[in-house]
Amino acid sequence: MRYLKSLISLLEELDKESNNFQKAVDKTVEAIKNGGIIHILGYGHYNVIPMELFFKPGALACINPLLDLSTLYSESIYRANYLEKNEGYGKSLIANINVKENDIFYIASYSGRDLVAIDVCLELKKKGIFTIGIINKENSAKTSKHSSKKNLKDLVDLAILVPGPSDELLLALEENRDIKVGPLGVLIPLLVINDIFTEVIYKIENIGIIPPVFRVPISSKNQEINEKLIEVYRERVRGF
């Protein structure tokens, strides 16, 4: 259980970011109250994050998942790597996304140096959209590969710095120490966003609003609720 023990140890360090967690909760609640939606960007392996949070029982209905299938490694590792290293691609990625004033935008980037993430964030800043970045703490101080030389941490309105080794690998083999294993992948960013959104739902209820949450579709009543939520957000959310 080496991997799990290492992961649990890292999760305990997230307490250090509790203030920023709360700020993210407050800003997300504010966005939903004002009729905005939540955009979540995923590219490369991080396509999993918006996919996991979208159209799911217990999840918010006002989530717009921004998947980029062109950067799915399962389609082509060469194409994905090329696009991720092509400055300007992120700008084209969100060119046709209907982002409005009261929306909020989550960007997860383990390195904080990714060209796609920085391109997207720079475009959102022009539009005045509130951005939240989830970035590895060790990498957040490193100079970007982007021509701006900015790390994502320096561009987003709110940066949540998550623990973990800079190379994302938790363990090294005992004899062949140069071989490292146990990638963190999307685990910590996904857990962080799930924690924030869960608190968002509780806070929305506490201020007297029925949270726009999908129900388990085991009854006709729940199915009807889900259909109404889809109708409410149909014009704003991809896939609806």
C-alpha atoms as a PDB file:
ATOM      1  CA  MET A   1       0.000   0.000   0.000  1.00  0.00           C
ATOM      2  CA  ARG A   2       2.931   2.326  -0.655  1.00  0.00           C
ATOM      3  CA  TYR A   3       1.006   4.408  -3.155  1.00  0.00           C
ATOM      4  CA  LEU A   4      -2.092   4.885  -0.991  1.00  0.00           C
ATOM      5  CA  LYS A   5      -0.064   5.803   2.082  1.00  0.00           C
ATOM      6  CA  SER A   6       1.874   8.392   0.090  1.00  0.00           C
ATOM      7  CA  LEU A   7      -1.357   9.785  -1.337  1.00  0.00           C
ATOM      8  CA  ILE A   8      -3.030  10.052   2.085  1.00  0.00           C
ATOM      9  CA  SER A   9      -0.017  11.932   3.404  1.00  0.00           C
ATOM     10  CA  LEU A  10      -0.347  14.469   0.588  1.00  0.00           C
ATOM     11  CA  LEU A  11      -4.081  14.898   1.113  1.00  0.00           C
ATOM     12  CA  GLU A  12      -3.465  15.869   4.731  1.00  0.00           C
ATOM     13  CA  GLU A  13      -1.327  18.760   3.485  1.00  0.00           C
ATOM     14  CA  LEU A  14      -4.337  20.285   1.714  1.00  0.00           C
ATOM     15  CA  ASP A  15      -5.411  21.830   5.033  1.00  0.00           C
ATOM     16  CA  LYS A  16      -2.834  24.547   4.326  1.00  0.00           C
ATOM     17  CA  GLU A  17      -5.010  25.723   1.430  1.00  0.00           C
ATOM     18  CA  SER A  18      -8.274  25.852   3.404  1.00  0.00           C
ATOM     19  CA  ASN A  19      -8.564  29.651   3.082  1.00  0.00           C
ATOM     20  CA  ASN A  20      -8.290  29.456  -0.687  1.00  0.00           C
ATOM     21  CA  PHE A  21     -10.753  26.562  -0.743  1.00  0.00           C
ATOM     22  CA  GLN A  22     -13.258  28.816   1.023  1.00  0.00           C
ATOM     23  CA  LYS A  23     -12.598  31.686  -1.382  1.00  0.00           C
ATOM     24  CA  ALA A  24     -13.269  29.323  -4.288  1.00  0.00           C
ATOM     25  CA  VAL A  25     -16.518  28.202  -2.658  1.00  0.00           C
ATOM     26  CA  ASP A  26     -17.668  31.793  -2.119  1.00  0.00           C
ATOM     27  CA  LYS A  27     -16.857  32.913  -5.670  1.00  0.00           C
ATOM     28  CA  THR A  28     -18.540  29.850  -7.182  1.00  0.00           C
ATOM     29  CA  VAL A  29     -21.687  30.374  -5.110  1.00  0.00           C
ATOM     30  CA  GLU A  30     -21.720  34.020  -6.181  1.00  0.00           C
ATOM     31  CA  ALA A  31     -21.465  32.992  -9.832  1.00  0.00           C
ATOM     32  CA  ILE A  32     -24.370  30.542  -9.559  1.00  0.00           C
ATOM     33  CA  LYS A  33     -26.533  33.043  -7.635  1.00  0.00           C
ATOM     34  CA  ASN A  34     -26.009  35.580 -10.408  1.00  0.00           C
ATOM     35  CA  GLY A  35     -27.000  33.165 -13.154  1.00  0.00           C
ATOM     36  CA  GLY A  36     -23.496  32.178 -14.197  1.00  0.00           C
ATOM     37  CA  ILE A  37     -22.160  28.726 -14.924  1.00  0.00           C
ATOM     38  CA  ILE A  38     -18.936  26.872 -14.106  1.00  0.00           C
ATOM     39  CA  HIS A  39     -16.526  26.160 -16.942  1.00  0.00           C
ATOM     40  CA  ILE A  40     -13.881  23.478 -16.384  1.00  0.00           C
ATOM     41  CA  LEU A  41     -11.044  23.052 -18.844  1.00  0.00           C
ATOM     42  CA  GLY A  42      -9.512  19.674 -19.536  1.00  0.00           C
ATOM     43  CA  TYR A  43      -6.800  18.710 -22.007  1.00  0.00           C
ATOM     44  CA  GLY A  44      -4.430  15.780 -22.237  1.00  0.00           C
ATOM     45  CA  HIS A  45      -4.930  13.449 -19.284  1.00  0.00           C
ATOM     46  CA  TYR A  46      -6.898  16.222 -17.584  1.00  0.00           C
ATOM     47  CA  ASN A  47      -9.814  15.667 -19.971  1.00  0.00           C
ATOM     48  CA  VAL A  48     -10.859  13.228 -17.246  1.00  0.00           C
ATOM     49  CA  ILE A  49     -11.633  16.045 -14.787  1.00  0.00           C
ATOM     50  CA  PRO A  50     -14.537  17.798 -16.568  1.00  0.00           C
ATOM     51  CA  MET A  51     -15.752  14.440 -17.847  1.00  0.00           C
ATOM     52  CA  GLU A  52     -15.974  13.067 -14.300  1.00  0.00           C
ATOM     53  CA  LEU A  53     -17.852  16.114 -12.983  1.00  0.00           C
ATOM     54  CA  PHE A  54     -20.377  16.402 -15.814  1.00  0.00           C
ATOM     55  CA  PHE A  55     -23.981  15.114 -15.841  1.00  0.00           C
ATOM     56  CA  LYS A  56     -23.602  12.945 -12.780  1.00  0.00           C
ATOM     57  CA  PRO A  57     -25.931  12.240  -9.829  1.00  0.00           C
ATOM     58  CA  GLY A  58     -24.905  14.494  -6.965  1.00  0.00           C
ATOM     59  CA  ALA A  59     -23.093  16.917  -9.268  1.00  0.00           C
ATOM     60  CA  LEU A  60     -24.018  20.466 -10.206  1.00  0.00           C
ATOM     61  CA  ALA A  61     -25.993  20.836 -13.422  1.00  0.00           C
ATOM     62  CA  CYS A  62     -24.416  24.208 -14.232  1.00  0.00           C
ATOM     63  CA  ILE A  63     -21.029  22.723 -15.199  1.00  0.00           C
ATOM     64  CA  ASN A  64     -19.816  23.251 -18.739  1.00  0.00           C
ATOM     65  CA  PRO A  65     -17.161  20.598 -19.481  1.00  0.00           C
ATOM     66  CA  LEU A  66     -14.524  21.844 -21.883  1.00  0.00           C
ATOM     67  CA  LEU A  67     -13.035  18.630 -23.203  1.00  0.00           C
ATOM     68  CA  ASP A  68     -10.409  18.798 -25.900  1.00  0.00           C
ATOM     69  CA  LEU A  69     -10.510  15.509 -27.761  1.00  0.00           C
ATOM     70  CA  SER A  70      -7.620  16.587 -29.980  1.00  0.00           C
ATOM     71  CA  THR A  71      -5.316  16.333 -26.973  1.00  0.00           C
ATOM     72  CA  LEU A  72      -6.512  12.890 -25.906  1.00  0.00           C
ATOM     73  CA  TYR A  73      -3.426  10.697 -25.853  1.00  0.00           C
ATOM     74  CA  SER A  74      -5.542   7.682 -26.739  1.00  0.00           C
ATOM     75  CA  GLU A  75      -6.256   9.313 -30.111  1.00  0.00           C
ATOM     76  CA  SER A  76      -2.654  10.242 -30.929  1.00  0.00           C
ATOM     77  CA  ILE A  77       0.187  10.972 -28.533  1.00  0.00           C
ATOM     78  CA  TYR A  78       2.056  12.829 -31.291  1.00  0.00           C
ATOM     79  CA  ARG A  79      -0.808  15.150 -32.151  1.00  0.00           C
ATOM     80  CA  ALA A  80      -1.575  15.779 -28.478  1.00  0.00           C
ATOM     81  CA  ASN A  81       2.038  16.629 -27.668  1.00  0.00           C
ATOM     82  CA  TYR A  82       2.293  18.894 -30.710  1.00  0.00           C
ATOM     83  CA  LEU A  83      -0.852  20.847 -29.840  1.00  0.00           C
ATOM     84  CA  GLU A  84       0.089  21.221 -26.177  1.00  0.00           C
ATOM     85  CA  LYS A  85       3.444  22.721 -27.214  1.00  0.00           C
ATOM     86  CA  ASN A  86       1.900  25.075 -29.773  1.00  0.00           C
ATOM     87  CA  GLU A  87       1.454  28.549 -28.294  1.00  0.00           C
ATOM     88  CA  GLY A  88      -1.843  29.994 -29.474  1.00  0.00           C
ATOM     89  CA  TYR A  89      -3.703  26.681 -29.493  1.00  0.00           C
ATOM     90  CA  GLY A  90      -5.369  27.490 -26.174  1.00  0.00           C
ATOM     91  CA  LYS A  91      -6.686  30.726 -27.639  1.00  0.00           C
ATOM     92  CA  SER A  92      -8.385  28.855 -30.470  1.00  0.00           C
ATOM     93  CA  LEU A  93      -9.671  26.285 -27.986  1.00  0.00           C
ATOM     94  CA  ILE A  94     -11.986  28.755 -26.252  1.00  0.00           C
ATOM     95  CA  ALA A  95     -12.713  31.058 -29.195  1.00  0.00           C
ATOM     96  CA  ASN A  96     -16.226  29.666 -29.667  1.00  0.00           C
ATOM     97  CA  ILE A  97     -17.098  29.109 -26.015  1.00  0.00           C
ATOM     98  CA  ASN A  98     -19.994  31.210 -24.775  1.00  0.00           C
ATOM     99  CA  VAL A  99     -18.413  32.709 -21.651  1.00  0.00           C
ATOM    100  CA  LYS A 100     -20.438  35.418 -19.905  1.00  0.00           C
ATOM    101  CA  GLU A 101     -19.726  38.023 -17.250  1.00  0.00           C
ATOM    102  CA  ASN A 102     -21.006  36.094 -14.219  1.00  0.00           C
ATOM    103  CA  ASP A 103     -19.368  32.799 -15.143  1.00  0.00           C
ATOM    104  CA  ILE A 104     -16.401  31.260 -13.355  1.00  0.00           C
ATOM    105  CA  PHE A 105     -13.591  29.259 -14.936  1.00  0.00           C
ATOM    106  CA  TYR A 106     -11.536  26.440 -13.382  1.00  0.00           C
ATOM    107  CA  ILE A 107      -8.169  25.529 -14.914  1.00  0.00           C
ATOM    108  CA  ALA A 108      -6.152  22.591 -13.581  1.00  0.00           C
ATOM    109  CA  SER A 109      -2.492  22.380 -14.566  1.00  0.00           C
ATOM    110  CA  TYR A 110       0.001  20.251 -12.664  1.00  0.00           C
ATOM    111  CA  SER A 111       2.999  22.186 -13.927  1.00  0.00           C
ATOM    112  CA  GLY A 112       1.428  25.642 -14.131  1.00  0.00           C
ATOM    113  CA  ARG A 113       3.649  26.115 -17.173  1.00  0.00           C
ATOM    114  CA  ASP A 114       1.460  24.562 -19.869  1.00  0.00           C
ATOM    115  CA  LEU A 115       1.014  26.720 -22.944  1.00  0.00           C
ATOM    116  CA  VAL A 116      -2.645  25.728 -23.317  1.00  0.00           C
ATOM    117  CA  ALA A 117      -3.557  26.710 -19.753  1.00  0.00           C
ATOM    118  CA  ILE A 118      -1.741  30.038 -19.973  1.00  0.00           C
ATOM    119  CA  ASP A 119      -3.211  30.911 -23.379  1.00  0.00           C
ATOM    120  CA  VAL A 120      -6.704  30.204 -22.072  1.00  0.00           C
ATOM    121  CA  CYS A 121      -6.170  32.217 -18.906  1.00  0.00           C
ATOM    122  CA  LEU A 122      -4.834  35.233 -20.818  1.00  0.00           C
ATOM    123  CA  GLU A 123      -7.922  35.223 -23.049  1.00  0.00           C
ATOM    124  CA  LEU A 124     -10.239  34.980 -20.050  1.00  0.00           C
ATOM    125  CA  LYS A 125      -8.507  37.921 -18.367  1.00  0.00           C
ATOM    126  CA  LYS A 126      -9.359  40.042 -21.414  1.00  0.00           C
ATOM    127  CA  LYS A 127     -13.013  39.135 -20.893  1.00  0.00           C
ATOM    128  CA  GLY A 128     -12.925  39.847 -17.150  1.00  0.00           C
ATOM    129  CA  ILE A 129     -13.844  36.268 -16.204  1.00  0.00           C
ATOM    130  CA  PHE A 130     -12.891  35.092 -12.704  1.00  0.00           C
ATOM    131  CA  THR A 131     -10.401  32.245 -12.957  1.00  0.00           C
ATOM    132  CA  ILE A 132      -9.349  29.614 -10.437  1.00  0.00           C
ATOM    133  CA  GLY A 133      -6.186  27.632 -11.033  1.00  0.00           C
ATOM    134  CA  ILE A 134      -5.291  24.322  -9.408  1.00  0.00           C
ATOM    135  CA  ILE A 135      -1.527  24.014  -9.639  1.00  0.00           C
ATOM    136  CA  ASN A 136       1.197  21.891  -8.088  1.00  0.00           C
ATOM    137  CA  LYS A 137       2.948  23.921  -5.385  1.00  0.00           C
ATOM    138  CA  GLU A 138       6.492  22.845  -6.284  1.00  0.00           C
ATOM    139  CA  ASN A 139       5.967  23.798  -9.919  1.00  0.00           C
ATOM    140  CA  SER A 140       4.197  27.090  -9.238  1.00  0.00           C
ATOM    141  CA  ALA A 141       7.465  29.007  -8.794  1.00  0.00           C
ATOM    142  CA  LYS A 142       8.950  27.814 -12.083  1.00  0.00           C
ATOM    143  CA  THR A 143       9.197  29.999 -15.161  1.00  0.00           C
ATOM    144  CA  SER A 144       6.646  29.249 -17.838  1.00  0.00           C
ATOM    145  CA  LYS A 145       7.362  27.820 -21.264  1.00  0.00           C
ATOM    146  CA  HIS A 146       5.025  30.544 -22.575  1.00  0.00           C
ATOM    147  CA  SER A 147       6.415  33.678 -24.234  1.00  0.00           C
ATOM    148  CA  SER A 148       4.895  35.728 -21.400  1.00  0.00           C
ATOM    149  CA  LYS A 149       7.195  33.838 -18.979  1.00  0.00           C
ATOM    150  CA  LYS A 150       4.251  33.785 -16.568  1.00  0.00           C
ATOM    151  CA  ASN A 151       3.285  30.776 -14.500  1.00  0.00           C
ATOM    152  CA  LEU A 152      -0.448  30.058 -14.333  1.00  0.00           C
ATOM    153  CA  LYS A 153      -0.252  30.916 -10.625  1.00  0.00           C
ATOM    154  CA  ASP A 154       0.604  34.515 -11.544  1.00  0.00           C
ATOM    155  CA  LEU A 155      -2.298  34.886 -13.966  1.00  0.00           C
ATOM    156  CA  VAL A 156      -5.358  33.345 -12.317  1.00  0.00           C
ATOM    157  CA  ASP A 157      -7.485  35.357  -9.897  1.00  0.00           C
ATOM    158  CA  LEU A 158      -7.233  32.587  -7.309  1.00  0.00           C
ATOM    159  CA  ALA A 159      -4.524  29.931  -7.165  1.00  0.00           C
ATOM    160  CA  ILE A 160      -4.974  26.747  -5.152  1.00  0.00           C
ATOM    161  CA  LEU A 161      -1.560  25.144  -4.710  1.00  0.00           C
ATOM    162  CA  VAL A 162      -1.690  21.400  -4.229  1.00  0.00           C
ATOM    163  CA  PRO A 163       1.058  19.171  -2.794  1.00  0.00           C
ATOM    164  CA  GLY A 164       3.057  16.569  -4.644  1.00  0.00           C
ATOM    165  CA  PRO A 165       6.478  16.083  -6.223  1.00  0.00           C
ATOM    166  CA  SER A 166       7.236  18.305  -9.208  1.00  0.00           C
ATOM    167  CA  ASP A 167       7.513  15.294 -11.525  1.00  0.00           C
ATOM    168  CA  GLU A 168       4.166  13.893 -10.294  1.00  0.00           C
ATOM    169  CA  LEU A 169       5.695  10.518  -9.322  1.00  0.00           C
ATOM    170  CA  LEU A 170       5.323   9.404  -5.712  1.00  0.00           C
ATOM    171  CA  LEU A 171       7.724   6.464  -5.461  1.00  0.00           C
ATOM    172  CA  ALA A 172      11.098   5.179  -6.624  1.00  0.00           C
ATOM    173  CA  LEU A 173      12.019   1.518  -6.973  1.00  0.00           C
ATOM    174  CA  GLU A 174      14.269   0.121  -4.250  1.00  0.00           C
ATOM    175  CA  GLU A 175      17.147  -1.100  -6.412  1.00  0.00           C
ATOM    176  CA  ASN A 176      16.660   0.852  -9.623  1.00  0.00           C
ATOM    177  CA  ARG A 177      16.253   4.251  -7.971  1.00  0.00           C
ATOM    178  CA  ASP A 178      16.222   6.011 -11.313  1.00  0.00           C
ATOM    179  CA  ILE A 179      12.883   4.346 -12.111  1.00  0.00           C
ATOM    180  CA  LYS A 180      10.026   6.274 -10.526  1.00  0.00           C
ATOM    181  CA  VAL A 181       6.419   5.086 -10.360  1.00  0.00           C
ATOM    182  CA  GLY A 182       3.051   5.986  -8.878  1.00  0.00           C
ATOM    183  CA  PRO A 183       1.845   8.993 -10.905  1.00  0.00           C
ATOM    184  CA  LEU A 184      -0.594  11.287  -9.137  1.00  0.00           C
ATOM    185  CA  GLY A 185      -2.439  12.033 -12.351  1.00  0.00           C
ATOM    186  CA  VAL A 186      -5.769  13.784 -11.903  1.00  0.00           C
ATOM    187  CA  LEU A 187      -6.425  12.471  -8.390  1.00  0.00           C
ATOM    188  CA  ILE A 188      -5.640  15.514  -6.252  1.00  0.00           C
ATOM    189  CA  PRO A 189      -7.103  18.174  -8.599  1.00  0.00           C
ATOM    190  CA  LEU A 190     -10.276  16.117  -8.971  1.00  0.00           C
ATOM    191  CA  LEU A 191     -10.612  15.622  -5.211  1.00  0.00           C
ATOM    192  CA  VAL A 192     -10.024  19.341  -4.650  1.00  0.00           C
ATOM    193  CA  ILE A 193     -12.719  20.375  -7.126  1.00  0.00           C
ATOM    194  CA  ASN A 194     -15.157  17.794  -5.753  1.00  0.00           C
ATOM    195  CA  ASP A 195     -14.574  19.120  -2.238  1.00  0.00           C
ATOM    196  CA  ILE A 196     -15.149  22.715  -3.350  1.00  0.00           C
ATOM    197  CA  PHE A 197     -18.315  21.882  -5.287  1.00  0.00           C
ATOM    198  CA  THR A 198     -19.730  19.858  -2.399  1.00  0.00           C
ATOM    199  CA  GLU A 199     -19.312  22.875  -0.109  1.00  0.00           C
ATOM    200  CA  VAL A 200     -20.841  25.078  -2.811  1.00  0.00           C
ATOM    201  CA  ILE A 201     -23.962  22.901  -2.831  1.00  0.00           C
ATOM    202  CA  TYR A 202     -24.311  23.057   0.959  1.00  0.00           C
ATOM    203  CA  LYS A 203     -23.836  26.828   0.967  1.00  0.00           C
ATOM    204  CA  ILE A 204     -26.421  27.352  -1.774  1.00  0.00           C
ATOM    205  CA  GLU A 205     -28.934  25.413   0.296  1.00  0.00           C
ATOM    206  CA  ASN A 206     -28.052  27.448   3.398  1.00  0.00           C
ATOM    207  CA  ILE A 207     -28.951  30.700   1.649  1.00  0.00           C
ATOM    208  CA  GLY A 208     -32.374  29.354   0.736  1.00  0.00           C
ATOM    209  CA  ILE A 209     -31.834  28.199  -2.848  1.00  0.00           C
ATOM    210  CA  ILE A 210     -32.524  24.664  -4.034  1.00  0.00           C
ATOM    211  CA  PRO A 211     -29.145  23.568  -5.440  1.00  0.00           C
ATOM    212  CA  PRO A 212     -29.169  22.673  -9.164  1.00  0.00           C
ATOM    213  CA  VAL A 213     -27.975  19.131  -8.523  1.00  0.00           C
ATOM    214  CA  PHE A 214     -28.669  16.073 -10.639  1.00  0.00           C
ATOM    215  CA  ARG A 215     -30.582  13.310  -8.842  1.00  0.00           C
ATOM    216  CA  VAL A 216     -30.163   9.552  -9.088  1.00  0.00           C
ATOM    217  CA  PRO A 217     -32.603   8.687 -11.921  1.00  0.00           C
ATOM    218  CA  ILE A 218     -34.325   5.801 -10.172  1.00  0.00           C
ATOM    219  CA  SER A 219     -37.773   7.399 -10.056  1.00  0.00           C
ATOM    220  CA  SER A 220     -39.906   9.331 -12.524  1.00  0.00           C
ATOM    221  CA  LYS A 221     -39.780  12.326 -10.154  1.00  0.00           C
ATOM    222  CA  ASN A 222     -35.985  12.419 -10.188  1.00  0.00           C
ATOM    223  CA  GLN A 223     -35.908  11.939 -13.948  1.00  0.00           C
ATOM    224  CA  GLU A 224     -38.264  14.891 -14.315  1.00  0.00           C
ATOM    225  CA  ILE A 225     -36.058  17.058 -12.075  1.00  0.00           C
ATOM    226  CA  ASN A 226     -33.014  16.149 -14.162  1.00  0.00           C
ATOM    227  CA  GLU A 227     -34.809  16.986 -17.413  1.00  0.00           C
ATOM    228  CA  LYS A 228     -35.829  20.392 -16.036  1.00  0.00           C
ATOM    229  CA  LEU A 229     -32.239  21.128 -15.019  1.00  0.00           C
ATOM    230  CA  ILE A 230     -31.040  20.215 -18.504  1.00  0.00           C
ATOM    231  CA  GLU A 231     -33.620  22.562 -19.980  1.00  0.00           C
ATOM    232  CA  VAL A 232     -32.532  25.420 -17.705  1.00  0.00           C
ATOM    233  CA  TYR A 233     -28.894  25.159 -18.793  1.00  0.00           C
ATOM    234  CA  ARG A 234     -29.376  23.852 -22.333  1.00  0.00           C
ATOM    235  CA  GLU A 235     -28.210  27.053 -24.030  1.00  0.00           C
ATOM    236  CA  ARG A 236     -25.068  27.357 -21.897  1.00  0.00           C
ATOM    237  CA  VAL A 237     -23.776  23.818 -21.375  1.00  0.00           C
ATOM    238  CA  ARG A 238     -22.198  21.654 -24.052  1.00  0.00           C
ATOM    239  CA  GLY A 239     -23.841  18.277 -24.374  1.00  0.00           C
ATOM    240  CA  PHE A 240     -27.286  19.486 -23.293  1.00  0.00           C
END
